[in-house]
C-alpha atoms as a PDB file:
ATOM      1  CA  MET A   1       0.052   0.030  -0.028  1.00  0.00           C
ATOM      2  CA  HIS A   2       2.887   2.431   0.707  1.00  0.00           C
ATOM      3  CA  ASN A   3       4.207   1.870  -2.885  1.00  0.00           C
ATOM      4  CA  MET A   4       0.782   2.645  -4.168  1.00  0.00           C
ATOM      5  CA  TYR A   5       0.799   5.970  -2.179  1.00  0.00           C
ATOM      6  CA  GLN A   6       4.416   6.734  -3.255  1.00  0.00           C
ATOM      7  CA  ARG A   7       3.362   6.037  -7.005  1.00  0.00           C
ATOM      8  CA  ALA A   8       0.403   8.323  -6.624  1.00  0.00           C
ATOM      9  CA  LEU A   9       2.484  11.180  -5.147  1.00  0.00           C
ATOM     10  CA  THR A  10       5.160  10.934  -7.977  1.00  0.00           C
ATOM     11  CA  ALA A  11       2.373  10.981 -10.753  1.00  0.00           C
ATOM     12  CA  LEU A  12       0.777  14.056  -9.117  1.00  0.00           C
ATOM     13  CA  ILE A  13       4.169  15.750  -9.603  1.00  0.00           C
ATOM     14  CA  VAL A  14       5.436  14.344 -12.834  1.00  0.00           C
ATOM     15  CA  VAL A  15       2.075  14.300 -14.818  1.00  0.00           C
ATOM     16  CA  PRO A  16       1.370  17.996 -14.597  1.00  0.00           C
ATOM     17  CA  VAL A  17       4.975  18.818 -15.449  1.00  0.00           C
ATOM     18  CA  SER A  18       5.036  16.620 -18.486  1.00  0.00           C
ATOM     19  CA  LEU A  19       1.785  18.108 -19.820  1.00  0.00           C
ATOM     20  CA  TRP A  20       3.057  21.617 -19.330  1.00  0.00           C
ATOM     21  CA  ILE A  21       6.084  20.713 -21.337  1.00  0.00           C
ATOM     22  CA  VAL A  22       3.840  19.143 -24.089  1.00  0.00           C
ATOM     23  CA  ALA A  23       1.660  22.414 -24.056  1.00  0.00           C
ATOM     24  CA  ARG A  24       4.764  24.639 -24.362  1.00  0.00           C
ATOM     25  CA  GLY A  25       5.895  22.553 -27.245  1.00  0.00           C
ATOM     26  CA  GLY A  26       8.866  23.841 -29.583  1.00  0.00           C
ATOM     27  CA  LEU A  27      12.215  23.967 -28.257  1.00  0.00           C
ATOM     28  CA  LEU A  28      11.505  23.009 -24.717  1.00  0.00           C
ATOM     29  CA  TYR A  29       9.602  19.814 -25.720  1.00  0.00           C
ATOM     30  CA  ASN A  30      12.370  18.844 -28.167  1.00  0.00           C
ATOM     31  CA  LEU A  31      15.053  19.441 -25.428  1.00  0.00           C
ATOM     32  CA  SER A  32      13.044  17.389 -22.932  1.00  0.00           C
ATOM     33  CA  LEU A  33      12.832  14.528 -25.553  1.00  0.00           C
ATOM     34  CA  PHE A  34      16.611  14.732 -26.015  1.00  0.00           C
ATOM     35  CA  VAL A  35      17.140  14.488 -22.118  1.00  0.00           C
ATOM     36  CA  LEU A  36      14.550  11.590 -22.021  1.00  0.00           C
ATOM     37  CA  CYS A  37      16.475   9.751 -24.650  1.00  0.00           C
ATOM     38  CA  MET A  38      19.979  10.217 -23.072  1.00  0.00           C
ATOM     39  CA  LEU A  39      18.627   9.074 -19.712  1.00  0.00           C
ATOM     40  CA  SER A  40      16.941   6.029 -21.219  1.00  0.00           C
ATOM     41  CA  LEU A  41      20.351   5.123 -23.012  1.00  0.00           C
ATOM     42  CA  TYR A  42      22.018   5.421 -19.846  1.00  0.00           C
ATOM     43  CA  GLU A  43      19.560   3.192 -17.969  1.00  0.00           C
ATOM     44  CA  LEU A  44      19.814   0.669 -20.718  1.00  0.00           C
ATOM     45  CA  ARG A  45      23.663   0.853 -20.574  1.00  0.00           C
ATOM     46  CA  ARG A  46      23.400   0.255 -16.786  1.00  0.00           C
ATOM     47  CA  LEU A  47      21.008  -2.830 -17.406  1.00  0.00           C
ATOM     48  CA  VAL A  48      23.019  -4.585 -20.227  1.00  0.00           C
ATOM     49  CA  SER A  49      26.674  -3.383 -19.134  1.00  0.00           C
ATOM     50  CA  VAL A  50      28.134  -4.214 -22.355  1.00  0.00           C
ATOM     51  CA  MET A  51      27.643  -1.699 -25.172  1.00  0.00           C
ATOM     52  CA  SER A  52      28.543  -4.120 -27.782  1.00  0.00           C
ATOM     53  CA  SER A  53      25.817  -6.483 -26.768  1.00  0.00           C
ATOM     54  CA  PRO A  54      22.967  -7.012 -29.263  1.00  0.00           C
ATOM     55  CA  TRP A  55      20.609  -6.208 -26.370  1.00  0.00           C
ATOM     56  CA  PHE A  56      22.105  -2.681 -26.168  1.00  0.00           C
ATOM     57  CA  LEU A  57      22.380  -2.133 -29.808  1.00  0.00           C
ATOM     58  CA  TRP A  58      18.902  -3.025 -30.626  1.00  0.00           C
ATOM     59  CA  GLY A  59      17.610  -1.363 -27.507  1.00  0.00           C
ATOM     60  CA  ALA A  60      19.451   1.845 -28.200  1.00  0.00           C
ATOM     61  CA  LEU A  61      18.063   1.920 -31.753  1.00  0.00           C
ATOM     62  CA  TYR A  62      14.494   1.203 -30.484  1.00  0.00           C
ATOM     63  CA  ILE A  63      14.824   4.142 -27.848  1.00  0.00           C
ATOM     64  CA  ILE A  64      16.005   6.521 -30.403  1.00  0.00           C
ATOM     65  CA  GLY A  65      13.328   5.545 -32.768  1.00  0.00           C
ATOM     66  CA  ALA A  66      10.714   5.914 -30.202  1.00  0.00           C
ATOM     67  CA  VAL A  67      11.639   9.390 -29.179  1.00  0.00           C
ATOM     68  CA  PHE A  68      11.759  10.293 -32.881  1.00  0.00           C
ATOM     69  CA  CYS A  69       8.136   9.335 -33.052  1.00  0.00           C
ATOM     70  CA  LEU A  70       7.202  11.375 -29.967  1.00  0.00           C
ATOM     71  CA  ALA A  71       8.869  14.343 -31.805  1.00  0.00           C
ATOM     72  CA  ALA A  72       7.128  13.582 -35.004  1.00  0.00           C
ATOM     73  CA  LEU A  73       3.733  13.500 -33.383  1.00  0.00           C
ATOM     74  CA  CYS A  74       3.784  17.272 -32.811  1.00  0.00           C
ATOM     75  CA  CYS A  75       4.147  18.262 -36.449  1.00  0.00           C
ATOM     76  CA  MET A  76       3.114  15.345 -38.650  1.00  0.00           C
ATOM     77  CA  ALA A  77      -0.205  15.784 -40.701  1.00  0.00           C
ATOM     78  CA  LEU A  78      -3.101  14.012 -38.956  1.00  0.00           C
ATOM     79  CA  PRO A  79      -6.452  12.789 -40.347  1.00  0.00           C
ATOM     80  CA  SER A  80      -9.066  15.450 -39.806  1.00  0.00           C
ATOM     81  CA  VAL A  81     -11.036  13.042 -37.705  1.00  0.00           C
ATOM     82  CA  LEU A  82      -8.426  13.016 -34.929  1.00  0.00           C
ATOM     83  CA  GLY A  83      -8.362  16.743 -34.438  1.00  0.00           C
ATOM     84  CA  ASP A  84      -5.071  18.788 -33.892  1.00  0.00           C
ATOM     85  CA  ASN A  85      -1.613  17.734 -32.999  1.00  0.00           C
ATOM     86  CA  PHE A  86      -1.447  18.984 -29.436  1.00  0.00           C
ATOM     87  CA  PRO A  87      -4.752  17.436 -28.319  1.00  0.00           C
ATOM     88  CA  LEU A  88      -3.932  14.252 -29.960  1.00  0.00           C
ATOM     89  CA  LEU A  89      -0.554  14.144 -28.125  1.00  0.00           C
ATOM     90  CA  VAL A  90      -2.099  14.980 -24.794  1.00  0.00           C
ATOM     91  CA  GLY A  91      -4.766  12.376 -25.235  1.00  0.00           C
ATOM     92  CA  PHE A  92      -2.299   9.736 -26.403  1.00  0.00           C
ATOM     93  CA  LEU A  93       0.127  10.339 -23.401  1.00  0.00           C
ATOM     94  CA  THR A  94      -2.582  10.524 -20.873  1.00  0.00           C
ATOM     95  CA  MET A  95      -4.363   7.324 -22.249  1.00  0.00           C
ATOM     96  CA  ILE A  96      -1.127   5.328 -21.911  1.00  0.00           C
ATOM     97  CA  TRP A  97      -0.481   6.588 -18.428  1.00  0.00           C
ATOM     98  CA  ILE A  98      -4.164   5.885 -17.385  1.00  0.00           C
ATOM     99  CA  SER A  99      -3.998   2.504 -18.824  1.00  0.00           C
ATOM    100  CA  ASP A 100      -0.625   1.629 -17.078  1.00  0.00           C
ATOM    101  CA  SER A 101      -2.261   2.882 -13.804  1.00  0.00           C
ATOM    102  CA  LEU A 102      -5.451   0.873 -14.330  1.00  0.00           C
ATOM    103  CA  ALA A 103      -3.217  -2.181 -14.956  1.00  0.00           C
ATOM    104  CA  TYR A 104      -1.125  -1.824 -11.618  1.00  0.00           C
ATOM    105  CA  ILE A 105      -4.290  -0.954  -9.583  1.00  0.00           C
ATOM    106  CA  GLY A 106      -6.529  -3.594 -10.964  1.00  0.00           C
ATOM    107  CA  GLY A 107      -3.882  -6.211 -10.664  1.00  0.00           C
ATOM    108  CA  ARG A 108      -3.246  -5.294  -6.917  1.00  0.00           C
ATOM    109  CA  LEU A 109      -6.927  -5.245  -6.223  1.00  0.00           C
ATOM    110  CA  VAL A 110      -8.559  -7.902  -8.267  1.00  0.00           C
ATOM    111  CA  GLY A 111      -5.706  -9.678  -9.880  1.00  0.00           C
ATOM    112  CA  ARG A 112      -5.670 -13.475  -9.593  1.00  0.00           C
ATOM    113  CA  HIS A 113      -4.222 -14.869 -12.704  1.00  0.00           C
ATOM    114  CA  PRO A 114      -0.664 -14.091 -13.530  1.00  0.00           C
ATOM    115  CA  LEU A 115      -0.098 -12.817 -17.028  1.00  0.00           C
ATOM    116  CA  MET A 116       3.659 -13.524 -17.141  1.00  0.00           C
ATOM    117  CA  PRO A 117       4.581 -15.436 -14.169  1.00  0.00           C
ATOM    118  CA  ARG A 118       8.180 -16.074 -15.045  1.00  0.00           C
ATOM    119  CA  ILE A 119       8.825 -12.613 -16.473  1.00  0.00           C
ATOM    120  CA  SER A 120       6.803 -10.337 -14.302  1.00  0.00           C
ATOM    121  CA  PRO A 121       4.853 -12.040 -11.528  1.00  0.00           C
ATOM    122  CA  GLY A 122       3.035  -8.950 -10.448  1.00  0.00           C
ATOM    123  CA  LYS A 123       1.149  -8.588 -13.942  1.00  0.00           C
ATOM    124  CA  THR A 124      -2.261 -10.211 -14.182  1.00  0.00           C
ATOM    125  CA  TRP A 125      -4.888 -10.987 -16.834  1.00  0.00           C
ATOM    126  CA  GLU A 126      -7.450  -8.990 -14.770  1.00  0.00           C
ATOM    127  CA  GLY A 127      -5.287  -6.005 -14.594  1.00  0.00           C
ATOM    128  CA  LEU A 128      -4.649  -6.051 -18.400  1.00  0.00           C
ATOM    129  CA  ILE A 129      -8.378  -6.403 -19.093  1.00  0.00           C
ATOM    130  CA  ILE A 130      -9.319  -3.476 -16.940  1.00  0.00           C
ATOM    131  CA  ALA A 131      -6.259  -1.484 -18.374  1.00  0.00           C
ATOM    132  CA  LEU A 132      -7.356  -1.895 -22.063  1.00  0.00           C
ATOM    133  CA  ILE A 133     -11.275  -1.489 -21.446  1.00  0.00           C
ATOM    134  CA  GLY A 134     -10.479   1.759 -19.279  1.00  0.00           C
ATOM    135  CA  GLY A 135      -7.899   2.998 -21.843  1.00  0.00           C
ATOM    136  CA  VAL A 136     -10.221   2.611 -24.666  1.00  0.00           C
ATOM    137  CA  CYS A 137     -13.169   4.351 -22.907  1.00  0.00           C
ATOM    138  CA  TYR A 138     -11.002   7.164 -21.856  1.00  0.00           C
ATOM    139  CA  ALA A 139      -9.425   7.675 -25.334  1.00  0.00           C
ATOM    140  CA  LEU A 140     -12.818   7.608 -27.031  1.00  0.00           C
ATOM    141  CA  GLY A 141     -14.243  10.084 -24.545  1.00  0.00           C
ATOM    142  CA  PHE A 142     -11.189  12.290 -25.169  1.00  0.00           C
ATOM    143  CA  LEU A 143     -11.717  12.238 -28.936  1.00  0.00           C
ATOM    144  CA  TYR A 144     -15.312  13.170 -28.498  1.00  0.00           C
ATOM    145  CA  TRP A 145     -14.474  15.971 -26.177  1.00  0.00           C
ATOM    146  CA  GLN A 146     -11.381  17.327 -28.242  1.00  0.00           C
ATOM    147  CA  ALA A 147     -12.091  16.359 -31.784  1.00  0.00           C
ATOM    148  CA  PRO A 148     -15.641  17.500 -33.007  1.00  0.00           C
ATOM    149  CA  SER A 149     -14.865  15.536 -36.509  1.00  0.00           C
ATOM    150  CA  PHE A 150     -14.708  12.311 -34.573  1.00  0.00           C
ATOM    151  CA  ALA A 151     -18.086  12.882 -33.034  1.00  0.00           C
ATOM    152  CA  GLN A 152     -19.565  13.568 -36.296  1.00  0.00           C
ATOM    153  CA  ALA A 153     -17.818  10.704 -38.067  1.00  0.00           C
ATOM    154  CA  PRO A 154     -19.806   7.518 -39.189  1.00  0.00           C
ATOM    155  CA  MET A 155     -20.163   4.873 -36.582  1.00  0.00           C
ATOM    156  CA  ALA A 156     -17.968   2.434 -38.727  1.00  0.00           C
ATOM    157  CA  THR A 157     -15.167   5.160 -38.545  1.00  0.00           C
ATOM    158  CA  GLN A 158     -15.501   5.389 -34.874  1.00  0.00           C
ATOM    159  CA  LEU A 159     -15.458   1.680 -34.311  1.00  0.00           C
ATOM    160  CA  LEU A 160     -12.400   1.376 -36.499  1.00  0.00           C
ATOM    161  CA  ILE A 161     -10.528   4.129 -34.338  1.00  0.00           C
ATOM    162  CA  GLY A 162     -11.752   2.232 -31.385  1.00  0.00           C
ATOM    163  CA  VAL A 163     -10.012  -0.939 -32.627  1.00  0.00           C
ATOM    164  CA  MET A 164      -6.796   0.942 -33.515  1.00  0.00           C
ATOM    165  CA  ILE A 165      -6.868   2.411 -30.027  1.00  0.00           C
ATOM    166  CA  LEU A 166      -7.081  -0.948 -28.502  1.00  0.00           C
ATOM    167  CA  GLY A 167      -4.222  -2.090 -30.719  1.00  0.00           C
ATOM    168  CA  LEU A 168      -2.108   0.671 -29.381  1.00  0.00           C
ATOM    169  CA  LEU A 169      -2.794  -0.234 -25.884  1.00  0.00           C
ATOM    170  CA  VAL A 170      -2.047  -3.822 -26.458  1.00  0.00           C
ATOM    171  CA  VAL A 171       1.287  -2.778 -28.112  1.00  0.00           C
ATOM    172  CA  GLY A 172       1.998  -0.559 -25.125  1.00  0.00           C
ATOM    173  CA  HIS A 173       1.472  -3.379 -22.681  1.00  0.00           C
ATOM    174  CA  ALA A 174       3.588  -5.546 -24.802  1.00  0.00           C
ATOM    175  CA  GLY A 175       6.440  -2.849 -24.594  1.00  0.00           C
ATOM    176  CA  ASP A 176       6.105  -3.014 -20.773  1.00  0.00           C
ATOM    177  CA  GLY A 177       6.512  -6.743 -20.904  1.00  0.00           C
ATOM    178  CA  LEU A 178       9.620  -6.409 -23.141  1.00  0.00           C
ATOM    179  CA  GLU A 179      11.279  -4.292 -20.617  1.00  0.00           C
ATOM    180  CA  SER A 180      10.256  -6.631 -17.987  1.00  0.00           C
ATOM    181  CA  LEU A 181      11.854  -9.317 -20.022  1.00  0.00           C
ATOM    182  CA  LEU A 182      15.134  -7.342 -20.367  1.00  0.00           C
ATOM    183  CA  LYS A 183      15.165  -6.734 -16.568  1.00  0.00           C
ATOM    184  CA  ARG A 184      14.652 -10.497 -15.836  1.00  0.00           C
ATOM    185  CA  ARG A 185      17.313 -11.363 -18.311  1.00  0.00           C
ATOM    186  CA  PHE A 186      19.958  -9.184 -16.339  1.00  0.00           C
ATOM    187  CA  SER A 187      18.355  -9.778 -12.859  1.00  0.00           C
ATOM    188  CA  VAL A 188      17.508  -6.107 -12.243  1.00  0.00           C
ATOM    189  CA  LYS A 189      14.265  -5.088 -10.529  1.00  0.00           C
ATOM    190  CA  ASP A 190      14.046  -1.377 -11.770  1.00  0.00           C
ATOM    191  CA  SER A 191      15.862   0.345 -14.612  1.00  0.00           C
ATOM    192  CA  GLY A 192      16.589   3.151 -12.200  1.00  0.00           C
ATOM    193  CA  GLY A 193      15.233   5.209  -9.281  1.00  0.00           C
ATOM    194  CA  MET A 194      14.363   8.515 -10.810  1.00  0.00           C
ATOM    195  CA  PHE A 195      10.616   8.169 -10.172  1.00  0.00           C
ATOM    196  CA  PRO A 196       9.764   6.908  -6.684  1.00  0.00           C
ATOM    197  CA  GLY A 197       7.292   4.081  -6.733  1.00  0.00           C
ATOM    198  CA  HIS A 198       7.684   3.820 -10.466  1.00  0.00           C
ATOM    199  CA  GLY A 199      11.442   3.086 -11.009  1.00  0.00           C
ATOM    200  CA  GLY A 200      13.426   4.630 -13.739  1.00  0.00           C
ATOM    201  CA  VAL A 201      12.833   6.331 -17.060  1.00  0.00           C
ATOM    202  CA  LEU A 202      12.614   3.143 -18.872  1.00  0.00           C
ATOM    203  CA  ASP A 203      10.097   1.757 -16.379  1.00  0.00           C
ATOM    204  CA  ARG A 204       7.903   4.748 -16.903  1.00  0.00           C
ATOM    205  CA  MET A 205       8.266   5.161 -20.606  1.00  0.00           C
ATOM    206  CA  ASP A 206       8.183   1.544 -21.796  1.00  0.00           C
ATOM    207  CA  SER A 207       4.652   1.535 -22.831  1.00  0.00           C
ATOM    208  CA  THR A 208       4.849   5.002 -24.216  1.00  0.00           C
ATOM    209  CA  PHE A 209       7.828   4.197 -26.450  1.00  0.00           C
ATOM    210  CA  SER A 210       6.160   1.149 -28.058  1.00  0.00           C
ATOM    211  CA  SER A 211       2.777   2.766 -28.569  1.00  0.00           C
ATOM    212  CA  ALA A 212       4.405   5.968 -30.015  1.00  0.00           C
ATOM    213  CA  VAL A 213       6.271   3.752 -32.669  1.00  0.00           C
ATOM    214  CA  MET A 214       2.800   2.045 -33.437  1.00  0.00           C
ATOM    215  CA  LEU A 215       0.916   5.264 -33.700  1.00  0.00           C
ATOM    216  CA  VAL A 216       3.246   6.905 -36.064  1.00  0.00           C
ATOM    217  CA  ALA A 217       3.320   3.762 -38.176  1.00  0.00           C
ATOM    218  CA  MET A 218      -0.549   3.735 -38.324  1.00  0.00           C
ATOM    219  CA  LEU A 219      -0.651   7.420 -39.244  1.00  0.00           C
ATOM    220  CA  PHE A 220       1.963   6.833 -41.990  1.00  0.00           C
ATOM    221  CA  VAL A 221       0.104   3.944 -43.374  1.00  0.00           C
ATOM    222  CA  HIS A 222      -3.137   5.843 -43.428  1.00  0.00           C
ATOM    223  CA  LYS A 223      -1.435   8.717 -45.288  1.00  0.00           C
ATOM    224  CA  VAL A 224       0.148   6.298 -47.917  1.00  0.00           C
ATOM    225  CA  LEU A 225      -3.023   4.361 -48.536  1.00  0.00           C
ATOM    226  CA  TRP A 226      -5.803   6.995 -48.179  1.00  0.00           C
ATOM    227  CA  GLY A 227      -4.086  10.263 -48.020  1.00  0.00           C
ATOM    228  CA  MET A 228      -5.652  12.920 -45.581  1.00  0.00           C
END
């Protein structure tokens, strides 16, 4: 229970600061992403310990690519049904954070069936299901609130976007599982201690990184196949 309070207190500080940085955008946002990238690479280096290891090389490429995707979400052209870049980025980030929190809380309160007992014993199927349902409901509600074109779109379009949101959340939790596998491989509990109750930067950003890559890929495919 102490850890849950610690996580909540950290989130109350980190989330508003992060959203303020996103709101300011521009140089501050890009500098923050650069710092985030450097800290993530540092933690990866501590985890793997050998820079020539394939684990580090592929992990570094993944981190740099994910940070680039987070930067691209601020400026790339979006389908009109999704609204503007800033609201989409805020909605995307808060969706991932809320889903992560729901997975943790749901697992602690009602979790009975381990999701990955050998990799991360604390994760449960119940927590994952609650996280996916809650994340999709939040994201759809956010789009109805912030993107008038989404509210006016055909039901089939809204349903398709809902399925894509579910896919983003699944990929996000898969990214979390991948980082858990890396920590298990090198017998480390947390990637760092920057965020009390949460661990390090990689512990906090694993879901966001994987989901950001998938979101940019989805937007790119949409642009190639259907234009704007």
